[in-house]
Amino acid sequence: MPPHRDCSLAAGAMPRSVEPAAAAPAVAPAVRGRPATWTDGALRWEYAPGAWAEIVGQELTPTREDTAAELAALARIAGDLRFGTASLRFPLAVPPPAEGLRLAAAWVTEQSKVGWTGSLVFAAGDYCPDPKGLAQGVLSVGVTGIIPGYGWTGDHSNATVDGHRAIRQDLPGGGKALAVYGDPGPYVSLGASDGEIAALLGAGGLEGFYRHVQVLAQPDLHALAEPADQAGWTTDPVR
């Protein structure tokens, strides 16, 4: 079966910016002979047994209301896509955080001429990303490299962790968030969605786990390259 509609977005993906098309066709065309569905303006297809992908388009046809033409355009694009075999490389490495937390999602985002982010999400149970905020029952860990002048540089810090400027936040339900600015390098962000997840980390909490996060990227953000230099990154971020 295709993914549940409420979990269709990839972990950490930006909320969909297009509105669902009205009067969607009842049947989606197969993509390279494999099953497909059309839901909320997105075409989803089974590109391999048990593995589904999603594609969303915007202004692909002259008339927005021509849903059949929009779907046909998405199906053509999906049919031209090919999936590679290279493993994704990550700019961070962490140990397994706690018993009962499993790696549920991971992604790397590169922003042209600005920087990059590598993120890991660990879940205590079934994981469903929430585009409106932090999903429940999860621990998130990320490393972000942003060229100075484009993003946070620790200016609004309210704490210090191991000599680095940091921001600590209390979240609803007993959750915690921590961001540590690696002056002048990338910064590390962590979030425990609720009190139960925070408790799994023990007395050290997020700060203790932060000390086990290994940043594998260049320390000088003024030298950020496009694309990012991934020579020191890893395909095995949990070890």
C-alpha atoms as a PDB file:
ATOM      1  CA  MET A   1       0.000   0.000   0.000  1.00  0.00           C
ATOM      2  CA  PRO A   2       1.181   3.582  -0.615  1.00  0.00           C
ATOM      3  CA  PRO A   3       2.288   5.712   2.346  1.00  0.00           C
ATOM      4  CA  HIS A   4      -0.389   7.166   4.592  1.00  0.00           C
ATOM      5  CA  ARG A   5      -1.332  10.654   3.380  1.00  0.00           C
ATOM      6  CA  ASP A   6      -0.424  12.224   6.737  1.00  0.00           C
ATOM      7  CA  CYS A   7       3.112  10.814   6.490  1.00  0.00           C
ATOM      8  CA  SER A   8       3.709  11.586   2.849  1.00  0.00           C
ATOM      9  CA  LEU A   9       6.333  14.276   3.375  1.00  0.00           C
ATOM     10  CA  ALA A  10       9.887  13.168   3.811  1.00  0.00           C
ATOM     11  CA  ALA A  11      11.231  13.757   7.275  1.00  0.00           C
ATOM     12  CA  GLY A  12      12.087  17.387   7.754  1.00  0.00           C
ATOM     13  CA  ALA A  13      10.798  18.380   4.308  1.00  0.00           C
ATOM     14  CA  MET A  14       9.264  21.809   3.910  1.00  0.00           C
ATOM     15  CA  PRO A  15       5.441  21.914   3.935  1.00  0.00           C
ATOM     16  CA  ARG A  16       3.920  21.636   0.489  1.00  0.00           C
ATOM     17  CA  SER A  17       3.379  25.094  -0.979  1.00  0.00           C
ATOM     18  CA  VAL A  18       0.808  24.117  -3.577  1.00  0.00           C
ATOM     19  CA  GLU A  19      -2.876  23.637  -2.906  1.00  0.00           C
ATOM     20  CA  PRO A  20      -4.508  20.308  -3.720  1.00  0.00           C
ATOM     21  CA  ALA A  21      -6.031  20.359  -7.167  1.00  0.00           C
ATOM     22  CA  ALA A  22      -9.786  20.057  -7.376  1.00  0.00           C
ATOM     23  CA  ALA A  23     -11.623  17.229  -9.118  1.00  0.00           C
ATOM     24  CA  ALA A  24      -8.592  14.950  -9.261  1.00  0.00           C
ATOM     25  CA  PRO A  25      -8.801  12.016 -11.675  1.00  0.00           C
ATOM     26  CA  ALA A  26     -10.021   8.832 -10.050  1.00  0.00           C
ATOM     27  CA  VAL A  27      -7.134   6.737 -11.401  1.00  0.00           C
ATOM     28  CA  ALA A  28      -3.467   7.677 -11.669  1.00  0.00           C
ATOM     29  CA  PRO A  29      -1.497   6.314 -14.610  1.00  0.00           C
ATOM     30  CA  ALA A  30       1.092   3.655 -13.852  1.00  0.00           C
ATOM     31  CA  VAL A  31       4.691   4.899 -13.738  1.00  0.00           C
ATOM     32  CA  ARG A  32       6.992   2.614 -15.729  1.00  0.00           C
ATOM     33  CA  GLY A  33       4.402  -0.101 -15.256  1.00  0.00           C
ATOM     34  CA  ARG A  34       4.257   0.245 -11.472  1.00  0.00           C
ATOM     35  CA  PRO A  35       1.244   1.242  -9.299  1.00  0.00           C
ATOM     36  CA  ALA A  36       0.617   4.923  -8.634  1.00  0.00           C
ATOM     37  CA  THR A  37      -1.861   7.055  -6.682  1.00  0.00           C
ATOM     38  CA  TRP A  38      -2.930  10.703  -6.933  1.00  0.00           C
ATOM     39  CA  THR A  39      -3.639  12.392  -3.580  1.00  0.00           C
ATOM     40  CA  ASP A  40      -3.721  16.046  -2.520  1.00  0.00           C
ATOM     41  CA  GLY A  41      -1.947  17.263  -5.649  1.00  0.00           C
ATOM     42  CA  ALA A  42       0.868  14.707  -5.374  1.00  0.00           C
ATOM     43  CA  LEU A  43       1.673  11.681  -7.509  1.00  0.00           C
ATOM     44  CA  ARG A  44       3.012   8.727  -5.542  1.00  0.00           C
ATOM     45  CA  TRP A  45       4.329   5.605  -7.182  1.00  0.00           C
ATOM     46  CA  GLU A  46       5.948   2.334  -6.152  1.00  0.00           C
ATOM     47  CA  TYR A  47       9.384   2.592  -7.778  1.00  0.00           C
ATOM     48  CA  ALA A  48      10.493  -0.723  -6.226  1.00  0.00           C
ATOM     49  CA  PRO A  49       8.619  -3.431  -4.283  1.00  0.00           C
ATOM     50  CA  GLY A  50       7.470  -1.836  -1.022  1.00  0.00           C
ATOM     51  CA  ALA A  51       9.272   1.472  -1.750  1.00  0.00           C
ATOM     52  CA  TRP A  52       7.295   4.573  -2.680  1.00  0.00           C
ATOM     53  CA  ALA A  53       8.304   7.998  -3.997  1.00  0.00           C
ATOM     54  CA  GLU A  54       6.342  11.238  -4.276  1.00  0.00           C
ATOM     55  CA  ILE A  55       6.482  14.076  -6.778  1.00  0.00           C
ATOM     56  CA  VAL A  56       4.687  17.431  -6.550  1.00  0.00           C
ATOM     57  CA  GLY A  57       4.589  20.017  -9.326  1.00  0.00           C
ATOM     58  CA  GLN A  58       3.559  23.645  -9.596  1.00  0.00           C
ATOM     59  CA  GLU A  59       2.389  25.473 -12.725  1.00  0.00           C
ATOM     60  CA  LEU A  60       3.289  22.554 -14.986  1.00  0.00           C
ATOM     61  CA  THR A  61       0.333  23.219 -17.271  1.00  0.00           C
ATOM     62  CA  PRO A  62      -1.154  26.449 -18.673  1.00  0.00           C
ATOM     63  CA  THR A  63      -4.441  25.907 -16.836  1.00  0.00           C
ATOM     64  CA  ARG A  64      -4.225  25.107 -13.135  1.00  0.00           C
ATOM     65  CA  GLU A  65      -7.689  23.549 -13.161  1.00  0.00           C
ATOM     66  CA  ASP A  66      -6.661  21.002 -15.809  1.00  0.00           C
ATOM     67  CA  THR A  67      -5.852  18.319 -13.259  1.00  0.00           C
ATOM     68  CA  ALA A  68      -5.619  15.524 -15.819  1.00  0.00           C
ATOM     69  CA  ALA A  69      -2.920  17.426 -17.740  1.00  0.00           C
ATOM     70  CA  GLU A  70      -1.061  18.194 -14.510  1.00  0.00           C
ATOM     71  CA  LEU A  71      -1.139  14.537 -13.526  1.00  0.00           C
ATOM     72  CA  ALA A  72       0.043  13.463 -16.973  1.00  0.00           C
ATOM     73  CA  ALA A  73       2.991  15.887 -16.755  1.00  0.00           C
ATOM     74  CA  LEU A  74       3.970  14.565 -13.324  1.00  0.00           C
ATOM     75  CA  ALA A  75       3.725  10.974 -14.575  1.00  0.00           C
ATOM     76  CA  ARG A  76       6.064  11.774 -17.485  1.00  0.00           C
ATOM     77  CA  ILE A  77       8.596  13.375 -15.141  1.00  0.00           C
ATOM     78  CA  ALA A  78       8.359  10.487 -12.667  1.00  0.00           C
ATOM     79  CA  GLY A  79       8.896   8.010 -15.495  1.00  0.00           C
ATOM     80  CA  ASP A  80      12.147   9.756 -16.444  1.00  0.00           C
ATOM     81  CA  LEU A  81      13.565   9.637 -12.914  1.00  0.00           C
ATOM     82  CA  ARG A  82      16.249   7.091 -12.108  1.00  0.00           C
ATOM     83  CA  PHE A  83      17.386   6.078  -8.624  1.00  0.00           C
ATOM     84  CA  GLY A  84      21.106   5.777  -7.963  1.00  0.00           C
ATOM     85  CA  THR A  85      22.920   3.373  -5.699  1.00  0.00           C
ATOM     86  CA  ALA A  86      25.390   5.758  -4.050  1.00  0.00           C
ATOM     87  CA  SER A  87      25.015   6.087  -0.269  1.00  0.00           C
ATOM     88  CA  LEU A  88      24.157   9.480   1.185  1.00  0.00           C
ATOM     89  CA  ARG A  89      27.028  11.103   3.065  1.00  0.00           C
ATOM     90  CA  PHE A  90      26.494  12.972   6.345  1.00  0.00           C
ATOM     91  CA  PRO A  91      28.487  15.778   8.029  1.00  0.00           C
ATOM     92  CA  LEU A  92      28.018  14.286  11.505  1.00  0.00           C
ATOM     93  CA  ALA A  93      28.373  11.052  13.433  1.00  0.00           C
ATOM     94  CA  VAL A  94      26.692  10.102  16.724  1.00  0.00           C
ATOM     95  CA  PRO A  95      26.480   7.015  18.924  1.00  0.00           C
ATOM     96  CA  PRO A  96      23.103   5.296  19.385  1.00  0.00           C
ATOM     97  CA  PRO A  97      21.425   7.781  21.757  1.00  0.00           C
ATOM     98  CA  ALA A  98      19.521   5.439  24.081  1.00  0.00           C
ATOM     99  CA  GLU A  99      17.895   2.050  24.198  1.00  0.00           C
ATOM    100  CA  GLY A 100      14.421   2.296  22.723  1.00  0.00           C
ATOM    101  CA  LEU A 101      15.322   5.010  20.199  1.00  0.00           C
ATOM    102  CA  ARG A 102      15.855   3.875  16.614  1.00  0.00           C
ATOM    103  CA  LEU A 103      16.978   5.860  13.608  1.00  0.00           C
ATOM    104  CA  ALA A 104      13.748   6.717  11.774  1.00  0.00           C
ATOM    105  CA  ALA A 105      14.789   9.378   9.252  1.00  0.00           C
ATOM    106  CA  ALA A 106      17.907  11.062   7.916  1.00  0.00           C
ATOM    107  CA  TRP A 107      18.535  13.717   5.290  1.00  0.00           C
ATOM    108  CA  VAL A 108      21.050  16.182   3.933  1.00  0.00           C
ATOM    109  CA  THR A 109      20.026  19.532   2.445  1.00  0.00           C
ATOM    110  CA  GLU A 110      22.358  21.727   0.424  1.00  0.00           C
ATOM    111  CA  GLN A 111      21.478  25.362  -0.199  1.00  0.00           C
ATOM    112  CA  SER A 112      23.218  26.839  -3.205  1.00  0.00           C
ATOM    113  CA  LYS A 113      25.961  29.288  -2.185  1.00  0.00           C
ATOM    114  CA  VAL A 114      24.595  29.435   1.371  1.00  0.00           C
ATOM    115  CA  GLY A 115      25.368  26.223   3.235  1.00  0.00           C
ATOM    116  CA  TRP A 116      24.058  22.789   4.166  1.00  0.00           C
ATOM    117  CA  THR A 117      22.331  20.806   6.913  1.00  0.00           C
ATOM    118  CA  GLY A 118      22.626  17.166   7.912  1.00  0.00           C
ATOM    119  CA  SER A 119      19.953  15.771  10.239  1.00  0.00           C
ATOM    120  CA  LEU A 120      19.100  12.517  12.004  1.00  0.00           C
ATOM    121  CA  VAL A 121      15.784  11.686  13.683  1.00  0.00           C
ATOM    122  CA  PHE A 122      15.452   8.917  16.260  1.00  0.00           C
ATOM    123  CA  ALA A 123      11.997   7.696  17.255  1.00  0.00           C
ATOM    124  CA  ALA A 124      10.653   5.717  20.179  1.00  0.00           C
ATOM    125  CA  GLY A 125       7.731   4.330  18.151  1.00  0.00           C
ATOM    126  CA  ASP A 126       6.109   4.786  14.783  1.00  0.00           C
ATOM    127  CA  TYR A 127       7.441   7.934  13.161  1.00  0.00           C
ATOM    128  CA  CYS A 128       5.309  10.376  11.213  1.00  0.00           C
ATOM    129  CA  PRO A 129       6.915  13.725  10.329  1.00  0.00           C
ATOM    130  CA  ASP A 130       4.906  16.773  11.298  1.00  0.00           C
ATOM    131  CA  PRO A 131       5.370  19.660   8.828  1.00  0.00           C
ATOM    132  CA  LYS A 132       3.925  22.084  11.415  1.00  0.00           C
ATOM    133  CA  GLY A 133       6.520  21.363  14.060  1.00  0.00           C
ATOM    134  CA  LEU A 134       8.569  18.739  15.846  1.00  0.00           C
ATOM    135  CA  ALA A 135       6.958  15.308  15.677  1.00  0.00           C
ATOM    136  CA  GLN A 136       6.206  13.640  18.998  1.00  0.00           C
ATOM    137  CA  GLY A 137       8.283  10.828  20.465  1.00  0.00           C
ATOM    138  CA  VAL A 138      11.493  11.799  18.691  1.00  0.00           C
ATOM    139  CA  LEU A 139      15.037  12.984  19.254  1.00  0.00           C
ATOM    140  CA  SER A 140      16.455  15.125  16.457  1.00  0.00           C
ATOM    141  CA  VAL A 141      20.148  15.858  15.909  1.00  0.00           C
ATOM    142  CA  GLY A 142      21.507  18.152  13.217  1.00  0.00           C
ATOM    143  CA  VAL A 143      24.635  19.957  12.073  1.00  0.00           C
ATOM    144  CA  THR A 144      24.291  23.103   9.970  1.00  0.00           C
ATOM    145  CA  GLY A 145      26.929  25.068   8.097  1.00  0.00           C
ATOM    146  CA  ILE A 146      25.739  28.524   7.048  1.00  0.00           C
ATOM    147  CA  ILE A 147      27.969  31.157   5.490  1.00  0.00           C
ATOM    148  CA  PRO A 148      28.264  34.078   7.944  1.00  0.00           C
ATOM    149  CA  GLY A 149      25.636  36.701   7.238  1.00  0.00           C
ATOM    150  CA  TYR A 150      22.994  34.208   6.066  1.00  0.00           C
ATOM    151  CA  GLY A 151      21.949  32.498   9.282  1.00  0.00           C
ATOM    152  CA  TRP A 152      22.257  32.212  13.034  1.00  0.00           C
ATOM    153  CA  THR A 153      25.711  33.002  14.408  1.00  0.00           C
ATOM    154  CA  GLY A 154      24.959  32.704  18.108  1.00  0.00           C
ATOM    155  CA  ASP A 155      23.889  36.332  18.419  1.00  0.00           C
ATOM    156  CA  HIS A 156      20.817  35.515  20.507  1.00  0.00           C
ATOM    157  CA  SER A 157      22.410  32.928  22.752  1.00  0.00           C
ATOM    158  CA  ASN A 158      21.136  32.540  26.301  1.00  0.00           C
ATOM    159  CA  ALA A 159      23.659  29.981  27.547  1.00  0.00           C
ATOM    160  CA  THR A 160      27.204  28.689  27.186  1.00  0.00           C
ATOM    161  CA  VAL A 161      28.128  25.043  26.583  1.00  0.00           C
ATOM    162  CA  ASP A 162      31.787  24.063  26.790  1.00  0.00           C
ATOM    163  CA  GLY A 163      32.787  27.643  26.021  1.00  0.00           C
ATOM    164  CA  HIS A 164      30.467  27.925  22.997  1.00  0.00           C
ATOM    165  CA  ARG A 165      27.486  30.245  22.697  1.00  0.00           C
ATOM    166  CA  ALA A 166      24.250  28.271  22.877  1.00  0.00           C
ATOM    167  CA  ILE A 167      20.474  28.542  23.015  1.00  0.00           C
ATOM    168  CA  ARG A 168      18.462  26.417  25.442  1.00  0.00           C
ATOM    169  CA  GLN A 169      14.692  26.155  25.119  1.00  0.00           C
ATOM    170  CA  ASP A 170      11.917  24.420  27.025  1.00  0.00           C
ATOM    171  CA  LEU A 171       9.286  22.858  24.770  1.00  0.00           C
ATOM    172  CA  PRO A 172       5.658  21.979  25.574  1.00  0.00           C
ATOM    173  CA  GLY A 173       5.188  18.619  27.266  1.00  0.00           C
ATOM    174  CA  GLY A 174       8.573  18.636  28.960  1.00  0.00           C
ATOM    175  CA  GLY A 175      10.588  18.666  25.715  1.00  0.00           C
ATOM    176  CA  LYS A 176      13.953  20.367  25.390  1.00  0.00           C
ATOM    177  CA  ALA A 177      15.889  22.029  22.566  1.00  0.00           C
ATOM    178  CA  LEU A 178      19.562  22.975  22.422  1.00  0.00           C
ATOM    179  CA  ALA A 179      21.621  24.696  19.739  1.00  0.00           C
ATOM    180  CA  VAL A 180      25.371  25.167  20.164  1.00  0.00           C
ATOM    181  CA  TYR A 181      27.232  27.569  17.912  1.00  0.00           C
ATOM    182  CA  GLY A 182      30.634  26.219  16.833  1.00  0.00           C
ATOM    183  CA  ASP A 183      32.421  29.533  16.539  1.00  0.00           C
ATOM    184  CA  PRO A 184      33.482  29.894  13.768  1.00  0.00           C
ATOM    185  CA  GLY A 185      32.316  26.542  12.424  1.00  0.00           C
ATOM    186  CA  PRO A 186      28.996  24.719  11.951  1.00  0.00           C
ATOM    187  CA  TYR A 187      26.460  24.661  14.745  1.00  0.00           C
ATOM    188  CA  VAL A 188      24.808  21.627  16.327  1.00  0.00           C
ATOM    189  CA  SER A 189      21.089  21.506  17.137  1.00  0.00           C
ATOM    190  CA  LEU A 190      19.276  18.907  19.216  1.00  0.00           C
ATOM    191  CA  GLY A 191      15.656  18.476  20.199  1.00  0.00           C
ATOM    192  CA  ALA A 192      13.821  16.096  22.514  1.00  0.00           C
ATOM    193  CA  SER A 193      10.150  16.382  21.592  1.00  0.00           C
ATOM    194  CA  ASP A 194       8.745  15.620  25.048  1.00  0.00           C
ATOM    195  CA  GLY A 195       9.633  14.725  28.614  1.00  0.00           C
ATOM    196  CA  GLU A 196       9.721  10.972  27.963  1.00  0.00           C
ATOM    197  CA  ILE A 197      12.318  11.361  25.229  1.00  0.00           C
ATOM    198  CA  ALA A 198      14.353  13.778  27.358  1.00  0.00           C
ATOM    199  CA  ALA A 199      14.306  11.261  30.230  1.00  0.00           C
ATOM    200  CA  LEU A 200      15.732   8.531  27.965  1.00  0.00           C
ATOM    201  CA  LEU A 201      18.906  10.588  27.626  1.00  0.00           C
ATOM    202  CA  GLY A 202      19.567  10.348  31.354  1.00  0.00           C
ATOM    203  CA  ALA A 203      20.964  12.951  33.704  1.00  0.00           C
ATOM    204  CA  GLY A 204      23.177  14.504  31.032  1.00  0.00           C
ATOM    205  CA  GLY A 205      20.207  15.326  28.828  1.00  0.00           C
ATOM    206  CA  LEU A 206      20.746  17.039  25.506  1.00  0.00           C
ATOM    207  CA  GLU A 207      23.921  18.710  26.705  1.00  0.00           C
ATOM    208  CA  GLY A 208      25.465  15.365  27.563  1.00  0.00           C
ATOM    209  CA  PHE A 209      24.509  13.895  24.194  1.00  0.00           C
ATOM    210  CA  TYR A 210      25.849  16.984  22.413  1.00  0.00           C
ATOM    211  CA  ARG A 211      29.322  16.093  23.659  1.00  0.00           C
ATOM    212  CA  HIS A 212      29.115  12.846  21.691  1.00  0.00           C
ATOM    213  CA  VAL A 213      28.162  14.509  18.393  1.00  0.00           C
ATOM    214  CA  GLN A 214      31.103  14.437  16.006  1.00  0.00           C
ATOM    215  CA  VAL A 215      31.111  17.200  13.377  1.00  0.00           C
ATOM    216  CA  LEU A 216      32.858  15.989  10.224  1.00  0.00           C
ATOM    217  CA  ALA A 217      32.779  19.222   8.221  1.00  0.00           C
ATOM    218  CA  GLN A 218      35.270  22.020   7.641  1.00  0.00           C
ATOM    219  CA  PRO A 219      35.488  24.423  10.612  1.00  0.00           C
ATOM    220  CA  ASP A 220      35.887  27.637   8.576  1.00  0.00           C
ATOM    221  CA  LEU A 221      32.506  28.606   7.163  1.00  0.00           C
ATOM    222  CA  HIS A 222      34.066  31.409   5.111  1.00  0.00           C
ATOM    223  CA  ALA A 223      35.572  28.664   2.967  1.00  0.00           C
ATOM    224  CA  LEU A 224      32.282  26.867   2.271  1.00  0.00           C
ATOM    225  CA  ALA A 225      32.340  25.464  -1.240  1.00  0.00           C
ATOM    226  CA  GLU A 226      29.548  24.878  -3.711  1.00  0.00           C
ATOM    227  CA  PRO A 227      28.796  22.042  -3.674  1.00  0.00           C
ATOM    228  CA  ALA A 228      29.892  21.169  -0.142  1.00  0.00           C
ATOM    229  CA  ASP A 229      33.192  19.360   0.270  1.00  0.00           C
ATOM    230  CA  GLN A 230      32.041  15.933   1.484  1.00  0.00           C
ATOM    231  CA  ALA A 231      35.472  14.302   1.562  1.00  0.00           C
ATOM    232  CA  GLY A 232      35.377  13.972   5.343  1.00  0.00           C
ATOM    233  CA  TRP A 233      31.668  13.100   5.635  1.00  0.00           C
ATOM    234  CA  THR A 234      30.416   9.603   6.400  1.00  0.00           C
ATOM    235  CA  THR A 235      27.874   7.121   5.035  1.00  0.00           C
ATOM    236  CA  ASP A 236      27.581   5.651   8.544  1.00  0.00           C
ATOM    237  CA  PRO A 237      26.359   8.482  10.798  1.00  0.00           C
ATOM    238  CA  VAL A 238      25.274   6.277  13.719  1.00  0.00           C
ATOM    239  CA  ARG A 239      28.154   4.287  15.137  1.00  0.00           C
END
